[in-house]
Amino acid sequence: MIAYSSMRIYRGEAHDIEHIRAAGIPNFFGVTLYSFMCQHSLPSMVNYVKNKGAKFNYLILLSMCAAFVLYLSTVLTASFAFKGSELHSIYSMNFDKEGEGWFDDFLYYYLMVFPTIALSASYPIIGITLRENLISLTEIALKQPLKQPLRDWVAPVVAIVPSFVLVMLIPSAVLVFASYVGSYAGSFVQYFIPACLVLWARKTIKKEFPGVKMQHNKNSIILFRNKVIPSLVIIWTFVGIGIVTYYFITK
């Protein structure tokens, strides 16, 4: 998509960027929140790495910077290649076939189904995460481990079936439901709860092990060894929710 947009700009089909509109800031802020929430698979991959040294942290930072550059490149090329009124909500739908060859046909149809591919790829991760969360909550409530048949058969059904039923019963409300869940529940799950867990874990460590100090931790960047970053994440969460709420009310 970046290449196609760049080709439009190269052919002289670029448009002047419109002046910033204050009314569009809440929507823009919501998009940025959702974009970085899309990196939800990183923690599940990091969890299984045994040696999380400083070099590994820099690799994670590098991956986030790469994602940021990708988003920025997509936004900048789209801003010049298309007018705001021309853009479809699903960005991949804005591109026509550039030629008549089989490769052009392949790229065209691939872009048409790209949203489905991207969403389908994340469903297994989301489903497994939801299943494990349900199992953990149930075991905490019952104060005993679940039997293996319940873990293998009942928990996956409970995690998957309700969403299918919801889509079948009220398909027109799915977009609205996803918007609210992504904006509120997603913000708390991705930002607020992890930041609170970090602060609570550090407090517990200081209580249980008085001699341990965060300055002794050589596996994390110095910037992340104090309370500033988790506190900023919590503030960011509520600022983002406030701006998105304003957008929902005024749109």
C-alpha atoms as a PDB file:
ATOM      1  CA  MET A   1       0.000   0.000   0.000  1.00  0.00           C
ATOM      2  CA  ILE A   2       2.911   2.318   0.712  1.00  0.00           C
ATOM      3  CA  ALA A   3       4.378   1.467  -2.704  1.00  0.00           C
ATOM      4  CA  TYR A   4       1.069   2.056  -4.510  1.00  0.00           C
ATOM      5  CA  SER A   5       0.570   5.389  -2.741  1.00  0.00           C
ATOM      6  CA  SER A   6       4.129   6.405  -3.614  1.00  0.00           C
ATOM      7  CA  MET A   7       3.449   5.531  -7.265  1.00  0.00           C
ATOM      8  CA  ARG A   8       0.389   7.806  -7.257  1.00  0.00           C
ATOM      9  CA  ILE A   9       2.492  10.625  -5.844  1.00  0.00           C
ATOM     10  CA  TYR A  10       5.262   9.987  -8.417  1.00  0.00           C
ATOM     11  CA  ARG A  11       2.734  10.133 -11.279  1.00  0.00           C
ATOM     12  CA  GLY A  12       1.625  13.571 -10.144  1.00  0.00           C
ATOM     13  CA  GLU A  13      -1.663  12.455  -8.594  1.00  0.00           C
ATOM     14  CA  ALA A  14      -0.739  13.880  -5.200  1.00  0.00           C
ATOM     15  CA  HIS A  15      -3.046  16.285  -3.366  1.00  0.00           C
ATOM     16  CA  ASP A  16      -2.287  19.144  -1.046  1.00  0.00           C
ATOM     17  CA  ILE A  17      -2.730  18.201   2.591  1.00  0.00           C
ATOM     18  CA  GLU A  18      -5.728  19.870   4.193  1.00  0.00           C
ATOM     19  CA  HIS A  19      -5.248  22.157   7.159  1.00  0.00           C
ATOM     20  CA  ILE A  20      -5.553  20.562  10.565  1.00  0.00           C
ATOM     21  CA  ARG A  21      -9.082  20.438  11.942  1.00  0.00           C
ATOM     22  CA  ALA A  22      -9.507  20.468  15.717  1.00  0.00           C
ATOM     23  CA  ALA A  23     -12.720  18.451  15.352  1.00  0.00           C
ATOM     24  CA  GLY A  24     -10.743  15.545  13.900  1.00  0.00           C
ATOM     25  CA  ILE A  25      -8.245  15.271  16.765  1.00  0.00           C
ATOM     26  CA  PRO A  26     -10.390  12.921  18.932  1.00  0.00           C
ATOM     27  CA  ASN A  27     -10.815  10.521  16.018  1.00  0.00           C
ATOM     28  CA  PHE A  28      -7.094  10.715  15.250  1.00  0.00           C
ATOM     29  CA  PHE A  29      -6.260  10.061  18.895  1.00  0.00           C
ATOM     30  CA  GLY A  30      -8.522   7.003  18.922  1.00  0.00           C
ATOM     31  CA  VAL A  31      -6.796   5.623  15.835  1.00  0.00           C
ATOM     32  CA  THR A  32      -3.366   6.017  17.440  1.00  0.00           C
ATOM     33  CA  LEU A  33      -4.564   4.226  20.583  1.00  0.00           C
ATOM     34  CA  TYR A  34      -5.917   1.335  18.547  1.00  0.00           C
ATOM     35  CA  SER A  35      -2.811   1.148  16.349  1.00  0.00           C
ATOM     36  CA  PHE A  36      -0.471   0.554  19.239  1.00  0.00           C
ATOM     37  CA  MET A  37      -2.927  -1.822  20.900  1.00  0.00           C
ATOM     38  CA  CYS A  38      -2.448  -3.978  17.802  1.00  0.00           C
ATOM     39  CA  GLN A  39       0.962  -4.965  19.208  1.00  0.00           C
ATOM     40  CA  HIS A  40      -0.829  -7.140  21.784  1.00  0.00           C
ATOM     41  CA  SER A  41       0.981 -10.286  20.646  1.00  0.00           C
ATOM     42  CA  LEU A  42       4.396  -9.012  21.781  1.00  0.00           C
ATOM     43  CA  PRO A  43       3.943  -9.819  25.511  1.00  0.00           C
ATOM     44  CA  SER A  44       2.922 -13.402  24.739  1.00  0.00           C
ATOM     45  CA  MET A  45       6.102 -13.861  22.691  1.00  0.00           C
ATOM     46  CA  VAL A  46       8.347 -12.136  25.233  1.00  0.00           C
ATOM     47  CA  ASN A  47       6.968 -14.277  28.065  1.00  0.00           C
ATOM     48  CA  TYR A  48       8.703 -17.420  26.774  1.00  0.00           C
ATOM     49  CA  VAL A  49      12.139 -15.830  26.376  1.00  0.00           C
ATOM     50  CA  LYS A  50      14.338 -17.049  29.229  1.00  0.00           C
ATOM     51  CA  ASN A  51      17.177 -14.541  29.146  1.00  0.00           C
ATOM     52  CA  LYS A  52      15.655 -11.060  28.968  1.00  0.00           C
ATOM     53  CA  GLY A  53      18.869  -9.077  28.997  1.00  0.00           C
ATOM     54  CA  ALA A  54      19.430  -5.453  28.070  1.00  0.00           C
ATOM     55  CA  LYS A  55      20.118  -6.396  24.446  1.00  0.00           C
ATOM     56  CA  PHE A  56      16.751  -8.129  24.267  1.00  0.00           C
ATOM     57  CA  ASN A  57      15.024  -4.993  25.567  1.00  0.00           C
ATOM     58  CA  TYR A  58      16.691  -2.977  22.839  1.00  0.00           C
ATOM     59  CA  LEU A  59      15.408  -5.472  20.270  1.00  0.00           C
ATOM     60  CA  ILE A  60      11.862  -4.979  21.564  1.00  0.00           C
ATOM     61  CA  LEU A  61      12.351  -1.220  21.382  1.00  0.00           C
ATOM     62  CA  LEU A  62      13.651  -1.625  17.832  1.00  0.00           C
ATOM     63  CA  SER A  63      10.562  -3.642  16.849  1.00  0.00           C
ATOM     64  CA  MET A  64       8.275  -0.933  18.244  1.00  0.00           C
ATOM     65  CA  CYS A  65      10.230   1.727  16.357  1.00  0.00           C
ATOM     66  CA  ALA A  66       9.886  -0.332  13.177  1.00  0.00           C
ATOM     67  CA  ALA A  67       6.114  -0.519  13.719  1.00  0.00           C
ATOM     68  CA  PHE A  68       6.030   3.249  14.272  1.00  0.00           C
ATOM     69  CA  VAL A  69       7.974   3.894  11.047  1.00  0.00           C
ATOM     70  CA  LEU A  70       5.585   1.598   9.158  1.00  0.00           C
ATOM     71  CA  TYR A  71       2.519   3.430  10.487  1.00  0.00           C
ATOM     72  CA  LEU A  72       4.097   6.821   9.811  1.00  0.00           C
ATOM     73  CA  SER A  73       5.044   5.864   6.240  1.00  0.00           C
ATOM     74  CA  THR A  74       1.518   4.597   5.581  1.00  0.00           C
ATOM     75  CA  VAL A  75      -0.085   7.758   6.950  1.00  0.00           C
ATOM     76  CA  LEU A  76       2.227  10.177   5.140  1.00  0.00           C
ATOM     77  CA  THR A  77       1.910   8.513   1.736  1.00  0.00           C
ATOM     78  CA  ALA A  78      -1.875   8.230   2.159  1.00  0.00           C
ATOM     79  CA  SER A  79      -2.132  11.904   3.132  1.00  0.00           C
ATOM     80  CA  PHE A  80      -0.510  13.019  -0.127  1.00  0.00           C
ATOM     81  CA  ALA A  81      -1.954  10.339  -2.433  1.00  0.00           C
ATOM     82  CA  PHE A  82      -5.649  10.674  -1.508  1.00  0.00           C
ATOM     83  CA  LYS A  83      -8.077  13.363  -0.501  1.00  0.00           C
ATOM     84  CA  GLY A  84      -9.749  12.879   2.842  1.00  0.00           C
ATOM     85  CA  SER A  85     -13.156  12.640   1.186  1.00  0.00           C
ATOM     86  CA  GLU A  86     -11.898   9.862  -1.132  1.00  0.00           C
ATOM     87  CA  LEU A  87     -10.580   7.541   1.549  1.00  0.00           C
ATOM     88  CA  HIS A  88     -12.541   4.442   2.476  1.00  0.00           C
ATOM     89  CA  SER A  89     -12.637   3.376   6.104  1.00  0.00           C
ATOM     90  CA  ILE A  90     -10.674   0.254   5.127  1.00  0.00           C
ATOM     91  CA  TYR A  91      -7.510   1.683   3.583  1.00  0.00           C
ATOM     92  CA  SER A  92      -6.723  -1.293   1.336  1.00  0.00           C
ATOM     93  CA  MET A  93      -9.995  -0.675  -0.544  1.00  0.00           C
ATOM     94  CA  ASN A  94      -8.620   2.563  -2.031  1.00  0.00           C
ATOM     95  CA  PHE A  95      -6.350   0.925  -4.592  1.00  0.00           C
ATOM     96  CA  ASP A  96      -7.238  -0.049  -8.162  1.00  0.00           C
ATOM     97  CA  LYS A  97      -5.377  -2.446 -10.421  1.00  0.00           C
ATOM     98  CA  GLU A  98      -2.179  -0.882 -11.774  1.00  0.00           C
ATOM     99  CA  GLY A  99      -1.942  -3.205 -14.795  1.00  0.00           C
ATOM    100  CA  GLU A 100      -3.422  -6.209 -16.582  1.00  0.00           C
ATOM    101  CA  GLY A 101      -0.854  -8.872 -15.704  1.00  0.00           C
ATOM    102  CA  TRP A 102      -1.405 -11.796 -13.351  1.00  0.00           C
ATOM    103  CA  PHE A 103       0.805 -10.208 -10.686  1.00  0.00           C
ATOM    104  CA  ASP A 104      -1.273  -7.021 -10.729  1.00  0.00           C
ATOM    105  CA  ASP A 105      -4.426  -9.116 -10.408  1.00  0.00           C
ATOM    106  CA  PHE A 106      -2.885 -10.993  -7.484  1.00  0.00           C
ATOM    107  CA  LEU A 107      -1.947  -7.784  -5.647  1.00  0.00           C
ATOM    108  CA  TYR A 108      -5.364  -6.267  -6.294  1.00  0.00           C
ATOM    109  CA  TYR A 109      -7.314  -9.217  -4.903  1.00  0.00           C
ATOM    110  CA  TYR A 110      -4.845  -9.643  -2.057  1.00  0.00           C
ATOM    111  CA  LEU A 111      -5.474  -6.059  -0.946  1.00  0.00           C
ATOM    112  CA  MET A 112      -9.214  -6.671  -1.134  1.00  0.00           C
ATOM    113  CA  VAL A 113      -9.012  -9.621   1.267  1.00  0.00           C
ATOM    114  CA  PHE A 114      -6.149  -8.223   3.367  1.00  0.00           C
ATOM    115  CA  PRO A 115      -8.414  -7.030   6.235  1.00  0.00           C
ATOM    116  CA  THR A 116      -9.894 -10.518   6.499  1.00  0.00           C
ATOM    117  CA  ILE A 117      -6.430 -12.095   6.542  1.00  0.00           C
ATOM    118  CA  ALA A 118      -5.155  -9.676   9.181  1.00  0.00           C
ATOM    119  CA  LEU A 119      -8.165 -10.156  11.457  1.00  0.00           C
ATOM    120  CA  SER A 120      -8.225 -13.924  11.012  1.00  0.00           C
ATOM    121  CA  ALA A 121      -4.545 -14.161  11.956  1.00  0.00           C
ATOM    122  CA  SER A 122      -5.211 -12.464  15.302  1.00  0.00           C
ATOM    123  CA  TYR A 123      -8.262 -14.562  16.217  1.00  0.00           C
ATOM    124  CA  PRO A 124      -6.305 -17.619  17.467  1.00  0.00           C
ATOM    125  CA  ILE A 125      -4.186 -15.419  19.769  1.00  0.00           C
ATOM    126  CA  ILE A 126      -7.250 -13.603  21.095  1.00  0.00           C
ATOM    127  CA  GLY A 127      -9.192 -16.854  21.527  1.00  0.00           C
ATOM    128  CA  ILE A 128      -6.366 -18.588  23.406  1.00  0.00           C
ATOM    129  CA  THR A 129      -5.847 -15.553  25.627  1.00  0.00           C
ATOM    130  CA  LEU A 130      -9.562 -15.370  26.449  1.00  0.00           C
ATOM    131  CA  ARG A 131      -9.699 -19.113  27.156  1.00  0.00           C
ATOM    132  CA  GLU A 132      -6.749 -18.970  29.552  1.00  0.00           C
ATOM    133  CA  ASN A 133      -8.198 -15.915  31.302  1.00  0.00           C
ATOM    134  CA  LEU A 134     -11.529 -17.688  31.790  1.00  0.00           C
ATOM    135  CA  ILE A 135      -9.759 -20.750  33.189  1.00  0.00           C
ATOM    136  CA  SER A 136      -7.696 -18.628  35.585  1.00  0.00           C
ATOM    137  CA  LEU A 137     -10.717 -16.655  36.819  1.00  0.00           C
ATOM    138  CA  THR A 138     -12.746 -19.834  37.304  1.00  0.00           C
ATOM    139  CA  GLU A 139      -9.966 -21.523  39.269  1.00  0.00           C
ATOM    140  CA  ILE A 140      -9.571 -18.438  41.456  1.00  0.00           C
ATOM    141  CA  ALA A 141     -13.324 -18.350  42.129  1.00  0.00           C
ATOM    142  CA  LEU A 142     -13.567 -22.104  42.844  1.00  0.00           C
ATOM    143  CA  LYS A 143     -10.210 -22.183  44.683  1.00  0.00           C
ATOM    144  CA  GLN A 144      -9.317 -25.418  42.932  1.00  0.00           C
ATOM    145  CA  PRO A 145      -7.979 -26.417  39.504  1.00  0.00           C
ATOM    146  CA  LEU A 146     -10.423 -27.273  36.734  1.00  0.00           C
ATOM    147  CA  LYS A 147     -10.639 -30.830  35.515  1.00  0.00           C
ATOM    148  CA  GLN A 148      -8.907 -31.507  32.223  1.00  0.00           C
ATOM    149  CA  PRO A 149     -12.118 -32.137  30.177  1.00  0.00           C
ATOM    150  CA  LEU A 150     -13.452 -28.742  31.268  1.00  0.00           C
ATOM    151  CA  ARG A 151     -10.183 -27.073  30.268  1.00  0.00           C
ATOM    152  CA  ASP A 152      -9.996 -28.851  26.907  1.00  0.00           C
ATOM    153  CA  TRP A 153     -13.648 -28.708  25.793  1.00  0.00           C
ATOM    154  CA  VAL A 154     -15.856 -26.384  27.830  1.00  0.00           C
ATOM    155  CA  ALA A 155     -13.512 -23.392  28.189  1.00  0.00           C
ATOM    156  CA  PRO A 156     -12.835 -23.020  24.415  1.00  0.00           C
ATOM    157  CA  VAL A 157     -16.571 -23.216  23.660  1.00  0.00           C
ATOM    158  CA  VAL A 158     -17.377 -20.557  26.277  1.00  0.00           C
ATOM    159  CA  ALA A 159     -14.618 -18.338  24.867  1.00  0.00           C
ATOM    160  CA  ILE A 160     -15.662 -18.633  21.207  1.00  0.00           C
ATOM    161  CA  VAL A 161     -19.416 -19.267  20.935  1.00  0.00           C
ATOM    162  CA  PRO A 162     -20.793 -16.057  22.568  1.00  0.00           C
ATOM    163  CA  SER A 163     -19.040 -13.830  20.010  1.00  0.00           C
ATOM    164  CA  PHE A 164     -20.500 -15.826  17.091  1.00  0.00           C
ATOM    165  CA  VAL A 165     -23.974 -15.651  18.632  1.00  0.00           C
ATOM    166  CA  LEU A 166     -23.624 -11.884  19.099  1.00  0.00           C
ATOM    167  CA  VAL A 167     -22.611 -11.391  15.457  1.00  0.00           C
ATOM    168  CA  MET A 168     -25.532 -13.502  14.203  1.00  0.00           C
ATOM    169  CA  LEU A 169     -28.161 -11.818  16.401  1.00  0.00           C
ATOM    170  CA  ILE A 170     -27.144  -8.167  15.976  1.00  0.00           C
ATOM    171  CA  PRO A 171     -24.768  -7.874  12.994  1.00  0.00           C
ATOM    172  CA  SER A 172     -25.501  -4.168  12.555  1.00  0.00           C
ATOM    173  CA  ALA A 173     -24.267  -3.415  16.081  1.00  0.00           C
ATOM    174  CA  VAL A 174     -20.968  -5.279  15.786  1.00  0.00           C
ATOM    175  CA  LEU A 175     -19.026  -2.200  14.641  1.00  0.00           C
ATOM    176  CA  VAL A 176     -20.428  -0.097  17.481  1.00  0.00           C
ATOM    177  CA  PHE A 177     -19.742  -2.869  19.982  1.00  0.00           C
ATOM    178  CA  ALA A 178     -16.167  -3.288  18.727  1.00  0.00           C
ATOM    179  CA  SER A 179     -15.587   0.471  18.902  1.00  0.00           C
ATOM    180  CA  TYR A 180     -16.630   0.724  22.539  1.00  0.00           C
ATOM    181  CA  VAL A 181     -14.886  -2.468  23.630  1.00  0.00           C
ATOM    182  CA  GLY A 182     -11.682  -1.517  21.831  1.00  0.00           C
ATOM    183  CA  SER A 183     -11.703   2.018  23.206  1.00  0.00           C
ATOM    184  CA  TYR A 184     -12.496   1.276  26.848  1.00  0.00           C
ATOM    185  CA  ALA A 185     -11.764  -2.358  27.690  1.00  0.00           C
ATOM    186  CA  GLY A 186      -8.830  -2.399  25.274  1.00  0.00           C
ATOM    187  CA  SER A 187      -7.272   0.696  26.827  1.00  0.00           C
ATOM    188  CA  PHE A 188      -7.525  -0.749  30.327  1.00  0.00           C
ATOM    189  CA  VAL A 189      -6.210  -4.168  29.306  1.00  0.00           C
ATOM    190  CA  GLN A 190      -3.315  -2.848  27.219  1.00  0.00           C
ATOM    191  CA  TYR A 191      -2.260   0.192  29.271  1.00  0.00           C
ATOM    192  CA  PHE A 192      -3.833   0.650  32.708  1.00  0.00           C
ATOM    193  CA  ILE A 193      -3.711  -2.901  34.101  1.00  0.00           C
ATOM    194  CA  PRO A 194      -0.088  -3.654  33.033  1.00  0.00           C
ATOM    195  CA  ALA A 195       1.107  -0.330  34.482  1.00  0.00           C
ATOM    196  CA  CYS A 196      -0.699  -1.042  37.773  1.00  0.00           C
ATOM    197  CA  LEU A 197       0.777  -4.556  37.854  1.00  0.00           C
ATOM    198  CA  VAL A 198       4.281  -3.122  37.449  1.00  0.00           C
ATOM    199  CA  LEU A 199       3.771  -0.633  40.294  1.00  0.00           C
ATOM    200  CA  TRP A 200       2.184  -3.280  42.534  1.00  0.00           C
ATOM    201  CA  ALA A 201       4.941  -5.814  41.786  1.00  0.00           C
ATOM    202  CA  ARG A 202       7.671  -3.312  42.637  1.00  0.00           C
ATOM    203  CA  LYS A 203       5.907  -2.410  45.874  1.00  0.00           C
ATOM    204  CA  THR A 204       5.622  -6.096  46.784  1.00  0.00           C
ATOM    205  CA  ILE A 205       9.303  -6.706  46.019  1.00  0.00           C
ATOM    206  CA  LYS A 206      10.339  -3.824  48.270  1.00  0.00           C
ATOM    207  CA  LYS A 207       8.136  -5.212  51.050  1.00  0.00           C
ATOM    208  CA  GLU A 208       9.243  -8.845  50.762  1.00  0.00           C
ATOM    209  CA  PHE A 209      12.884  -8.149  49.892  1.00  0.00           C
ATOM    210  CA  PRO A 210      13.918  -4.856  51.571  1.00  0.00           C
ATOM    211  CA  GLY A 211      17.501  -5.142  50.351  1.00  0.00           C
ATOM    212  CA  VAL A 212      16.546  -5.268  46.675  1.00  0.00           C
ATOM    213  CA  LYS A 213      16.510  -1.993  44.761  1.00  0.00           C
ATOM    214  CA  MET A 214      15.372  -1.323  41.221  1.00  0.00           C
ATOM    215  CA  GLN A 215      18.782   0.207  40.533  1.00  0.00           C
ATOM    216  CA  HIS A 216      20.223  -3.310  40.874  1.00  0.00           C
ATOM    217  CA  ASN A 217      18.198  -4.496  37.890  1.00  0.00           C
ATOM    218  CA  LYS A 218      20.605  -4.472  34.966  1.00  0.00           C
ATOM    219  CA  ASN A 219      18.167  -6.114  32.548  1.00  0.00           C
ATOM    220  CA  SER A 220      16.046  -3.002  31.967  1.00  0.00           C
ATOM    221  CA  ILE A 221      16.812   0.436  30.615  1.00  0.00           C
ATOM    222  CA  ILE A 222      17.455   3.039  33.335  1.00  0.00           C
ATOM    223  CA  LEU A 223      14.462   5.054  32.153  1.00  0.00           C
ATOM    224  CA  PHE A 224      12.118   2.172  33.079  1.00  0.00           C
ATOM    225  CA  ARG A 225      13.477   1.558  36.594  1.00  0.00           C
ATOM    226  CA  ASN A 226      11.385   4.231  38.309  1.00  0.00           C
ATOM    227  CA  LYS A 227       7.687   5.073  38.663  1.00  0.00           C
ATOM    228  CA  VAL A 228       7.648   7.759  35.978  1.00  0.00           C
ATOM    229  CA  ILE A 229       6.938   5.564  32.945  1.00  0.00           C
ATOM    230  CA  PRO A 230       4.123   3.454  34.540  1.00  0.00           C
ATOM    231  CA  SER A 231       2.551   6.646  35.913  1.00  0.00           C
ATOM    232  CA  LEU A 232       2.703   8.292  32.483  1.00  0.00           C
ATOM    233  CA  VAL A 233       1.051   5.210  30.965  1.00  0.00           C
ATOM    234  CA  ILE A 234      -1.811   5.474  33.491  1.00  0.00           C
ATOM    235  CA  ILE A 235      -2.242   9.182  32.748  1.00  0.00           C
ATOM    236  CA  TRP A 236      -2.123   8.425  29.009  1.00  0.00           C
ATOM    237  CA  THR A 237      -4.896   5.858  29.479  1.00  0.00           C
ATOM    238  CA  PHE A 238      -7.337   8.296  31.062  1.00  0.00           C
ATOM    239  CA  VAL A 239      -6.444  11.127  28.674  1.00  0.00           C
ATOM    240  CA  GLY A 240      -7.052   8.805  25.734  1.00  0.00           C
ATOM    241  CA  ILE A 241     -10.346   7.522  27.142  1.00  0.00           C
ATOM    242  CA  GLY A 242     -11.490  11.090  27.783  1.00  0.00           C
ATOM    243  CA  ILE A 243     -10.715  12.222  24.235  1.00  0.00           C
ATOM    244  CA  VAL A 244     -12.311   9.137  22.670  1.00  0.00           C
ATOM    245  CA  THR A 245     -15.405   9.583  24.869  1.00  0.00           C
ATOM    246  CA  TYR A 246     -15.686  13.167  23.644  1.00  0.00           C
ATOM    247  CA  TYR A 247     -15.532  11.864  20.074  1.00  0.00           C
ATOM    248  CA  PHE A 248     -18.287   9.297  20.704  1.00  0.00           C
ATOM    249  CA  ILE A 249     -20.530  11.963  22.251  1.00  0.00           C
ATOM    250  CA  THR A 250     -20.022  14.597  19.560  1.00  0.00           C
ATOM    251  CA  LYS A 251     -19.879  12.497  16.385  1.00  0.00           C
END
